[in-house]
Amino acid sequence: MGLFRAARTVTSPSGDYWELYVSKTTLPAWREGNSGFDPGLEAVNPEIGLFELPLMILAFLWSSILVPLTRVVVLLPIAVMKGRRSHAVRIEAVNTFPHRQVLLWTTTDVHKDRVLDEIAAGLAQGKVVYPSGAVYSGEE
């Protein structure tokens, strides 16, 4: 069970292409902080000086990239360890065209293969299925 390799691919009768992923790990969400940047700032102060602009860029990079990246790097090993100890399995069906759509089911190690087969068969028929032994959580 790799983290990013599709377990199956399915095409529905309407031409929707679904990739099914099976994982025991829930990846940490990317959460941006508040940079303090106000897009309406230039309307209040049209003469932003050369000193303020680099500080605004630095604040943006800090809160939008560095802090979220650090958070993910710290939480990822914890998430992987929780996944290895858990019996819960996540099955995600991902359709990226024309807009990204992610459907999520949760099941156990025991039912994983049967549930994956039922989900793939349902999506191949253009239906969202609710297999026994799994919980459908809807769109993510």
N, C-alpha and C. Protein backbone atom coordinates (compact mmCIF):
# COMPACT_ATOMS: atom_id res chain seq x y z
N MET A 1 0.84 -1.18 0.00
CA MET A 1 0.00 0.00 0.00
C MET A 1 0.88 1.23 0.00
N GLY A 2 1.20 1.77 -1.15
CA GLY A 2 1.98 2.98 -1.22
C GLY A 2 1.13 4.20 -0.92
N LEU A 3 1.80 5.27 -0.56
CA LEU A 3 1.07 6.48 -0.22
C LEU A 3 0.46 7.15 -1.46
N PHE A 4 1.16 7.14 -2.59
CA PHE A 4 0.71 7.93 -3.72
C PHE A 4 0.53 7.14 -5.01
N ARG A 5 0.49 5.84 -4.97
CA ARG A 5 0.32 5.04 -6.17
C ARG A 5 -1.14 4.61 -6.27
N ALA A 6 -1.74 4.80 -7.42
CA ALA A 6 -3.14 4.43 -7.60
C ALA A 6 -3.28 2.92 -7.54
N ALA A 7 -4.24 2.46 -6.72
CA ALA A 7 -4.50 1.03 -6.61
C ALA A 7 -5.25 0.54 -7.84
N ARG A 8 -6.14 1.37 -8.36
CA ARG A 8 -6.93 1.03 -9.55
C ARG A 8 -7.29 2.30 -10.29
N THR A 9 -7.61 2.13 -11.55
CA THR A 9 -8.18 3.23 -12.34
C THR A 9 -9.46 2.71 -12.98
N VAL A 10 -10.45 3.59 -13.04
CA VAL A 10 -11.76 3.20 -13.54
C VAL A 10 -12.29 4.33 -14.42
N THR A 11 -12.95 3.98 -15.50
CA THR A 11 -13.63 4.96 -16.34
C THR A 11 -15.12 4.67 -16.31
N SER A 12 -15.90 5.71 -16.01
CA SER A 12 -17.35 5.55 -15.93
C SER A 12 -17.95 5.63 -17.34
N PRO A 13 -19.23 5.26 -17.49
CA PRO A 13 -19.86 5.34 -18.81
C PRO A 13 -19.89 6.77 -19.38
N SER A 14 -19.89 7.78 -18.52
CA SER A 14 -19.91 9.17 -18.99
C SER A 14 -18.51 9.67 -19.34
N GLY A 15 -17.48 8.82 -19.15
CA GLY A 15 -16.12 9.20 -19.50
C GLY A 15 -15.31 9.75 -18.34
N ASP A 16 -15.89 9.79 -17.14
CA ASP A 16 -15.14 10.25 -15.97
C ASP A 16 -14.05 9.24 -15.64
N TYR A 17 -12.85 9.73 -15.42
CA TYR A 17 -11.70 8.88 -15.13
C TYR A 17 -11.40 8.98 -13.63
N TRP A 18 -11.50 7.88 -12.93
CA TRP A 18 -11.29 7.83 -11.49
C TRP A 18 -10.03 7.06 -11.16
N GLU A 19 -9.25 7.58 -10.24
CA GLU A 19 -8.10 6.87 -9.70
C GLU A 19 -8.46 6.52 -8.26
N LEU A 20 -8.28 5.26 -7.89
CA LEU A 20 -8.60 4.80 -6.54
C LEU A 20 -7.30 4.61 -5.77
N TYR A 21 -7.21 5.25 -4.62
CA TYR A 21 -6.04 5.17 -3.77
C TYR A 21 -6.41 4.49 -2.45
N VAL A 22 -5.54 3.63 -1.97
CA VAL A 22 -5.74 2.94 -0.70
C VAL A 22 -4.58 3.33 0.21
N SER A 23 -4.91 3.79 1.41
CA SER A 23 -3.87 4.23 2.33
C SER A 23 -4.32 4.06 3.77
N LYS A 24 -3.37 3.86 4.63
CA LYS A 24 -3.66 3.81 6.06
C LYS A 24 -3.25 5.12 6.72
N THR A 25 -2.69 6.04 5.94
CA THR A 25 -2.19 7.29 6.47
C THR A 25 -3.05 8.46 6.00
N THR A 26 -3.41 9.30 6.94
CA THR A 26 -4.09 10.55 6.62
C THR A 26 -3.03 11.64 6.65
N LEU A 27 -2.77 12.25 5.51
CA LEU A 27 -1.73 13.27 5.45
C LEU A 27 -2.20 14.54 6.16
N PRO A 28 -1.28 15.24 6.83
CA PRO A 28 -1.65 16.49 7.49
C PRO A 28 -2.10 17.53 6.47
N ALA A 29 -3.08 18.32 6.86
CA ALA A 29 -3.60 19.36 5.96
C ALA A 29 -2.62 20.53 5.90
N TRP A 30 -2.58 21.19 4.76
CA TRP A 30 -1.76 22.39 4.57
C TRP A 30 -2.59 23.57 5.06
N ARG A 31 -2.15 24.19 6.14
CA ARG A 31 -2.88 25.33 6.71
C ARG A 31 -2.01 26.56 6.70
N GLU A 32 -2.46 27.56 5.97
CA GLU A 32 -1.71 28.81 5.92
C GLU A 32 -2.06 29.67 7.12
N GLY A 33 -1.07 30.40 7.59
CA GLY A 33 -1.27 31.33 8.70
C GLY A 33 -1.73 32.67 8.18
N ASN A 34 -1.84 33.62 9.07
CA ASN A 34 -2.22 34.98 8.70
C ASN A 34 -0.95 35.79 8.55
N SER A 35 -0.68 36.27 7.34
CA SER A 35 0.55 37.01 7.07
C SER A 35 0.46 38.45 7.53
N GLY A 36 -0.73 38.91 7.84
CA GLY A 36 -0.88 40.31 8.20
C GLY A 36 -0.96 41.19 6.96
N PHE A 37 -0.90 40.58 5.78
CA PHE A 37 -0.99 41.35 4.55
C PHE A 37 -2.44 41.68 4.26
N ASP A 38 -2.70 42.94 4.06
CA ASP A 38 -4.04 43.41 3.77
C ASP A 38 -4.08 43.86 2.31
N PRO A 39 -4.85 43.14 1.44
CA PRO A 39 -4.88 43.54 0.03
C PRO A 39 -5.40 44.94 -0.18
N GLY A 40 -6.16 45.47 0.76
CA GLY A 40 -6.68 46.84 0.64
C GLY A 40 -5.71 47.87 1.17
N LEU A 41 -4.51 47.46 1.56
CA LEU A 41 -3.54 48.35 2.15
C LEU A 41 -3.13 49.47 1.21
N GLU A 42 -2.96 49.17 -0.06
CA GLU A 42 -2.53 50.20 -1.00
C GLU A 42 -3.59 51.28 -1.19
N ALA A 43 -4.86 50.94 -0.93
CA ALA A 43 -5.91 51.95 -1.05
C ALA A 43 -5.81 52.94 0.11
N VAL A 44 -5.38 52.46 1.29
CA VAL A 44 -5.25 53.32 2.45
C VAL A 44 -3.95 54.11 2.37
N ASN A 45 -2.88 53.44 1.99
CA ASN A 45 -1.57 54.08 1.92
C ASN A 45 -0.95 53.82 0.55
N PRO A 46 -1.22 54.69 -0.43
CA PRO A 46 -0.71 54.44 -1.78
C PRO A 46 0.81 54.59 -1.89
N GLU A 47 1.46 55.16 -0.88
CA GLU A 47 2.90 55.38 -0.94
C GLU A 47 3.64 54.36 -0.07
N ILE A 48 3.47 53.07 -0.39
CA ILE A 48 4.19 52.04 0.33
C ILE A 48 5.66 52.19 -0.02
N GLY A 49 6.49 52.34 0.99
CA GLY A 49 7.91 52.60 0.78
C GLY A 49 8.67 51.35 0.40
N LEU A 50 9.90 51.54 0.02
CA LEU A 50 10.77 50.43 -0.35
C LEU A 50 11.09 49.54 0.84
N PHE A 51 10.96 50.06 2.06
CA PHE A 51 11.23 49.26 3.24
C PHE A 51 10.07 48.34 3.59
N GLU A 52 8.84 48.79 3.38
CA GLU A 52 7.67 47.99 3.74
C GLU A 52 7.45 46.82 2.79
N LEU A 53 7.73 46.99 1.52
CA LEU A 53 7.48 45.94 0.54
C LEU A 53 8.26 44.65 0.84
N PRO A 54 9.56 44.71 1.10
CA PRO A 54 10.27 43.46 1.45
C PRO A 54 9.73 42.81 2.72
N LEU A 55 9.32 43.61 3.69
CA LEU A 55 8.74 43.04 4.91
C LEU A 55 7.42 42.34 4.63
N MET A 56 6.63 42.91 3.74
CA MET A 56 5.35 42.29 3.37
C MET A 56 5.61 40.96 2.65
N ILE A 57 6.58 40.95 1.75
CA ILE A 57 6.92 39.72 1.02
C ILE A 57 7.45 38.67 1.99
N LEU A 58 8.30 39.08 2.91
CA LEU A 58 8.83 38.15 3.91
C LEU A 58 7.72 37.59 4.80
N ALA A 59 6.79 38.43 5.22
CA ALA A 59 5.66 37.97 6.04
C ALA A 59 4.80 36.98 5.26
N PHE A 60 4.58 37.25 3.98
CA PHE A 60 3.80 36.34 3.14
C PHE A 60 4.49 34.98 3.02
N LEU A 61 5.79 34.99 2.71
CA LEU A 61 6.54 33.73 2.58
C LEU A 61 6.55 32.96 3.90
N TRP A 62 6.71 33.66 5.01
CA TRP A 62 6.74 33.03 6.32
C TRP A 62 5.42 32.32 6.61
N SER A 63 4.30 33.03 6.44
CA SER A 63 3.01 32.47 6.85
C SER A 63 2.41 31.54 5.81
N SER A 64 2.75 31.70 4.54
CA SER A 64 2.12 30.88 3.50
C SER A 64 2.96 29.68 3.08
N ILE A 65 4.26 29.71 3.35
CA ILE A 65 5.10 28.61 2.91
C ILE A 65 5.88 27.99 4.06
N LEU A 66 6.66 28.77 4.79
CA LEU A 66 7.56 28.20 5.79
C LEU A 66 6.83 27.60 6.98
N VAL A 67 5.87 28.30 7.55
CA VAL A 67 5.16 27.76 8.71
C VAL A 67 4.33 26.53 8.34
N PRO A 68 3.53 26.56 7.24
CA PRO A 68 2.79 25.34 6.87
C PRO A 68 3.71 24.16 6.51
N LEU A 69 4.82 24.43 5.84
CA LEU A 69 5.75 23.37 5.48
C LEU A 69 6.37 22.74 6.73
N THR A 70 6.76 23.55 7.68
CA THR A 70 7.30 23.04 8.94
C THR A 70 6.27 22.20 9.67
N ARG A 71 5.02 22.66 9.68
CA ARG A 71 3.94 21.92 10.33
C ARG A 71 3.77 20.54 9.69
N VAL A 72 3.76 20.47 8.36
CA VAL A 72 3.59 19.20 7.66
C VAL A 72 4.79 18.28 7.92
N VAL A 73 6.00 18.82 7.90
CA VAL A 73 7.19 18.01 8.12
C VAL A 73 7.20 17.42 9.53
N VAL A 74 6.71 18.18 10.51
CA VAL A 74 6.67 17.68 11.89
C VAL A 74 5.56 16.65 12.06
N LEU A 75 4.39 16.89 11.46
CA LEU A 75 3.23 16.01 11.67
C LEU A 75 3.23 14.76 10.79
N LEU A 76 3.95 14.77 9.68
CA LEU A 76 3.94 13.62 8.77
C LEU A 76 4.45 12.33 9.41
N PRO A 77 5.58 12.32 10.12
CA PRO A 77 6.01 11.06 10.75
C PRO A 77 5.00 10.55 11.78
N ILE A 78 4.36 11.46 12.47
CA ILE A 78 3.33 11.06 13.44
C ILE A 78 2.16 10.40 12.73
N ALA A 79 1.73 10.99 11.61
CA ALA A 79 0.62 10.42 10.84
C ALA A 79 0.98 9.05 10.28
N VAL A 80 2.20 8.88 9.83
CA VAL A 80 2.63 7.58 9.29
C VAL A 80 2.63 6.53 10.39
N MET A 81 3.12 6.88 11.57
CA MET A 81 3.14 5.92 12.68
C MET A 81 1.72 5.55 13.12
N LYS A 82 0.82 6.52 13.16
CA LYS A 82 -0.58 6.22 13.51
C LYS A 82 -1.19 5.28 12.48
N GLY A 83 -0.90 5.52 11.21
CA GLY A 83 -1.43 4.67 10.14
C GLY A 83 -0.93 3.25 10.22
N ARG A 84 0.32 3.07 10.56
CA ARG A 84 0.88 1.71 10.66
C ARG A 84 0.26 0.92 11.80
N ARG A 85 -0.13 1.60 12.86
CA ARG A 85 -0.71 0.93 14.03
C ARG A 85 -2.21 0.72 13.88
N SER A 86 -2.83 1.44 12.99
CA SER A 86 -4.28 1.41 12.85
C SER A 86 -4.74 0.25 11.96
N HIS A 87 -5.98 -0.17 12.17
CA HIS A 87 -6.60 -1.17 11.29
C HIS A 87 -7.53 -0.49 10.28
N ALA A 88 -7.67 0.83 10.40
CA ALA A 88 -8.53 1.58 9.48
C ALA A 88 -7.80 1.81 8.16
N VAL A 89 -8.54 1.70 7.08
CA VAL A 89 -8.00 1.90 5.73
C VAL A 89 -8.86 2.94 5.02
N ARG A 90 -8.20 3.92 4.41
CA ARG A 90 -8.90 4.95 3.63
C ARG A 90 -8.85 4.58 2.16
N ILE A 91 -9.99 4.67 1.50
CA ILE A 91 -10.05 4.48 0.06
C ILE A 91 -10.56 5.78 -0.53
N GLU A 92 -9.75 6.40 -1.37
CA GLU A 92 -10.10 7.66 -1.99
C GLU A 92 -10.26 7.45 -3.49
N ALA A 93 -11.35 7.96 -4.02
CA ALA A 93 -11.57 7.97 -5.47
C ALA A 93 -11.38 9.41 -5.93
N VAL A 94 -10.44 9.63 -6.84
CA VAL A 94 -10.08 10.98 -7.27
C VAL A 94 -10.37 11.14 -8.76
N ASN A 95 -11.14 12.17 -9.09
CA ASN A 95 -11.42 12.56 -10.46
C ASN A 95 -10.91 13.99 -10.61
N THR A 96 -9.98 14.24 -11.52
CA THR A 96 -9.37 15.57 -11.63
C THR A 96 -9.92 16.43 -12.76
N PHE A 97 -10.78 15.89 -13.61
CA PHE A 97 -11.28 16.67 -14.74
C PHE A 97 -12.79 16.61 -14.80
N PRO A 98 -13.51 17.63 -15.01
CA PRO A 98 -13.11 19.01 -15.28
C PRO A 98 -12.75 19.78 -14.02
N HIS A 99 -13.15 19.31 -12.85
CA HIS A 99 -12.71 19.89 -11.58
C HIS A 99 -12.39 18.74 -10.62
N ARG A 100 -11.53 19.02 -9.67
CA ARG A 100 -11.10 17.97 -8.74
C ARG A 100 -12.25 17.54 -7.83
N GLN A 101 -12.45 16.24 -7.78
CA GLN A 101 -13.49 15.65 -6.95
C GLN A 101 -12.87 14.45 -6.23
N VAL A 102 -13.01 14.40 -4.90
CA VAL A 102 -12.45 13.32 -4.10
C VAL A 102 -13.57 12.71 -3.26
N LEU A 103 -13.79 11.41 -3.43
CA LEU A 103 -14.77 10.66 -2.64
C LEU A 103 -13.99 9.78 -1.66
N LEU A 104 -14.48 9.68 -0.43
CA LEU A 104 -13.73 8.97 0.61
C LEU A 104 -14.58 7.91 1.30
N TRP A 105 -14.00 6.72 1.41
CA TRP A 105 -14.57 5.61 2.18
C TRP A 105 -13.55 5.19 3.22
N THR A 106 -14.03 4.68 4.35
CA THR A 106 -13.16 4.12 5.37
C THR A 106 -13.63 2.70 5.66
N THR A 107 -12.67 1.79 5.74
CA THR A 107 -12.97 0.40 6.01
C THR A 107 -11.86 -0.19 6.89
N THR A 108 -11.79 -1.49 6.98
CA THR A 108 -10.74 -2.14 7.77
C THR A 108 -9.86 -2.98 6.86
N ASP A 109 -8.75 -3.45 7.43
CA ASP A 109 -7.83 -4.31 6.67
C ASP A 109 -8.54 -5.56 6.14
N VAL A 110 -9.45 -6.09 6.95
CA VAL A 110 -10.14 -7.34 6.60
C VAL A 110 -11.01 -7.16 5.35
N HIS A 111 -11.70 -6.04 5.25
CA HIS A 111 -12.66 -5.80 4.16
C HIS A 111 -12.09 -5.01 2.99
N LYS A 112 -10.83 -4.60 3.08
CA LYS A 112 -10.24 -3.68 2.11
C LYS A 112 -10.41 -4.14 0.65
N ASP A 113 -10.03 -5.35 0.34
CA ASP A 113 -10.05 -5.81 -1.06
C ASP A 113 -11.47 -5.89 -1.61
N ARG A 114 -12.39 -6.42 -0.82
CA ARG A 114 -13.78 -6.54 -1.28
C ARG A 114 -14.40 -5.16 -1.47
N VAL A 115 -14.17 -4.26 -0.52
CA VAL A 115 -14.72 -2.91 -0.61
C VAL A 115 -14.14 -2.18 -1.82
N LEU A 116 -12.85 -2.32 -2.06
CA LEU A 116 -12.21 -1.69 -3.22
C LEU A 116 -12.83 -2.22 -4.52
N ASP A 117 -13.08 -3.52 -4.59
CA ASP A 117 -13.72 -4.10 -5.78
C ASP A 117 -15.12 -3.52 -5.99
N GLU A 118 -15.90 -3.40 -4.91
CA GLU A 118 -17.26 -2.86 -5.02
C GLU A 118 -17.26 -1.39 -5.43
N ILE A 119 -16.33 -0.62 -4.88
CA ILE A 119 -16.25 0.80 -5.24
C ILE A 119 -15.87 0.95 -6.71
N ALA A 120 -14.88 0.16 -7.16
CA ALA A 120 -14.45 0.23 -8.57
C ALA A 120 -15.60 -0.18 -9.50
N ALA A 121 -16.34 -1.22 -9.14
CA ALA A 121 -17.47 -1.65 -9.97
C ALA A 121 -18.56 -0.59 -10.01
N GLY A 122 -18.83 0.04 -8.87
CA GLY A 122 -19.85 1.09 -8.83
C GLY A 122 -19.46 2.30 -9.67
N LEU A 123 -18.22 2.75 -9.54
CA LEU A 123 -17.76 3.90 -10.32
C LEU A 123 -17.73 3.57 -11.81
N ALA A 124 -17.43 2.33 -12.17
CA ALA A 124 -17.45 1.91 -13.58
C ALA A 124 -18.85 1.97 -14.15
N GLN A 125 -19.87 1.86 -13.28
CA GLN A 125 -21.26 1.98 -13.71
C GLN A 125 -21.78 3.41 -13.56
N GLY A 126 -20.93 4.32 -13.05
CA GLY A 126 -21.33 5.71 -12.88
C GLY A 126 -22.09 5.97 -11.59
N LYS A 127 -21.94 5.08 -10.60
CA LYS A 127 -22.66 5.20 -9.33
C LYS A 127 -21.68 5.28 -8.17
N VAL A 128 -22.12 5.97 -7.12
CA VAL A 128 -21.39 5.95 -5.86
C VAL A 128 -22.03 4.85 -5.03
N VAL A 129 -21.23 3.90 -4.57
CA VAL A 129 -21.77 2.75 -3.83
C VAL A 129 -21.48 2.88 -2.34
N TYR A 130 -22.24 2.13 -1.58
CA TYR A 130 -22.10 2.11 -0.12
C TYR A 130 -21.88 0.66 0.32
N PRO A 131 -20.67 0.14 0.17
CA PRO A 131 -20.41 -1.26 0.49
C PRO A 131 -20.57 -1.55 1.98
N SER A 132 -21.03 -2.78 2.28
CA SER A 132 -21.09 -3.18 3.69
C SER A 132 -19.66 -3.34 4.18
N GLY A 133 -19.43 -2.99 5.42
CA GLY A 133 -18.08 -3.05 5.98
C GLY A 133 -17.29 -1.80 5.72
N ALA A 134 -17.92 -0.78 5.15
CA ALA A 134 -17.24 0.49 4.88
C ALA A 134 -18.16 1.65 5.22
N VAL A 135 -17.57 2.79 5.50
CA VAL A 135 -18.32 4.00 5.79
C VAL A 135 -17.97 5.01 4.69
N TYR A 136 -19.01 5.50 4.00
CA TYR A 136 -18.79 6.52 2.96
C TYR A 136 -18.85 7.88 3.63
N SER A 137 -17.78 8.66 3.50
CA SER A 137 -17.71 9.97 4.15
C SER A 137 -18.08 11.11 3.22
N GLY A 138 -18.33 10.83 1.96
CA GLY A 138 -18.72 11.88 1.02
C GLY A 138 -17.53 12.50 0.34
N GLU A 139 -17.76 13.71 -0.20
CA GLU A 139 -16.69 14.42 -0.91
C GLU A 139 -15.80 15.13 0.09
N GLU A 140 -14.53 15.13 -0.21
CA GLU A 140 -13.56 15.82 0.62
C GLU A 140 -13.34 17.21 0.09
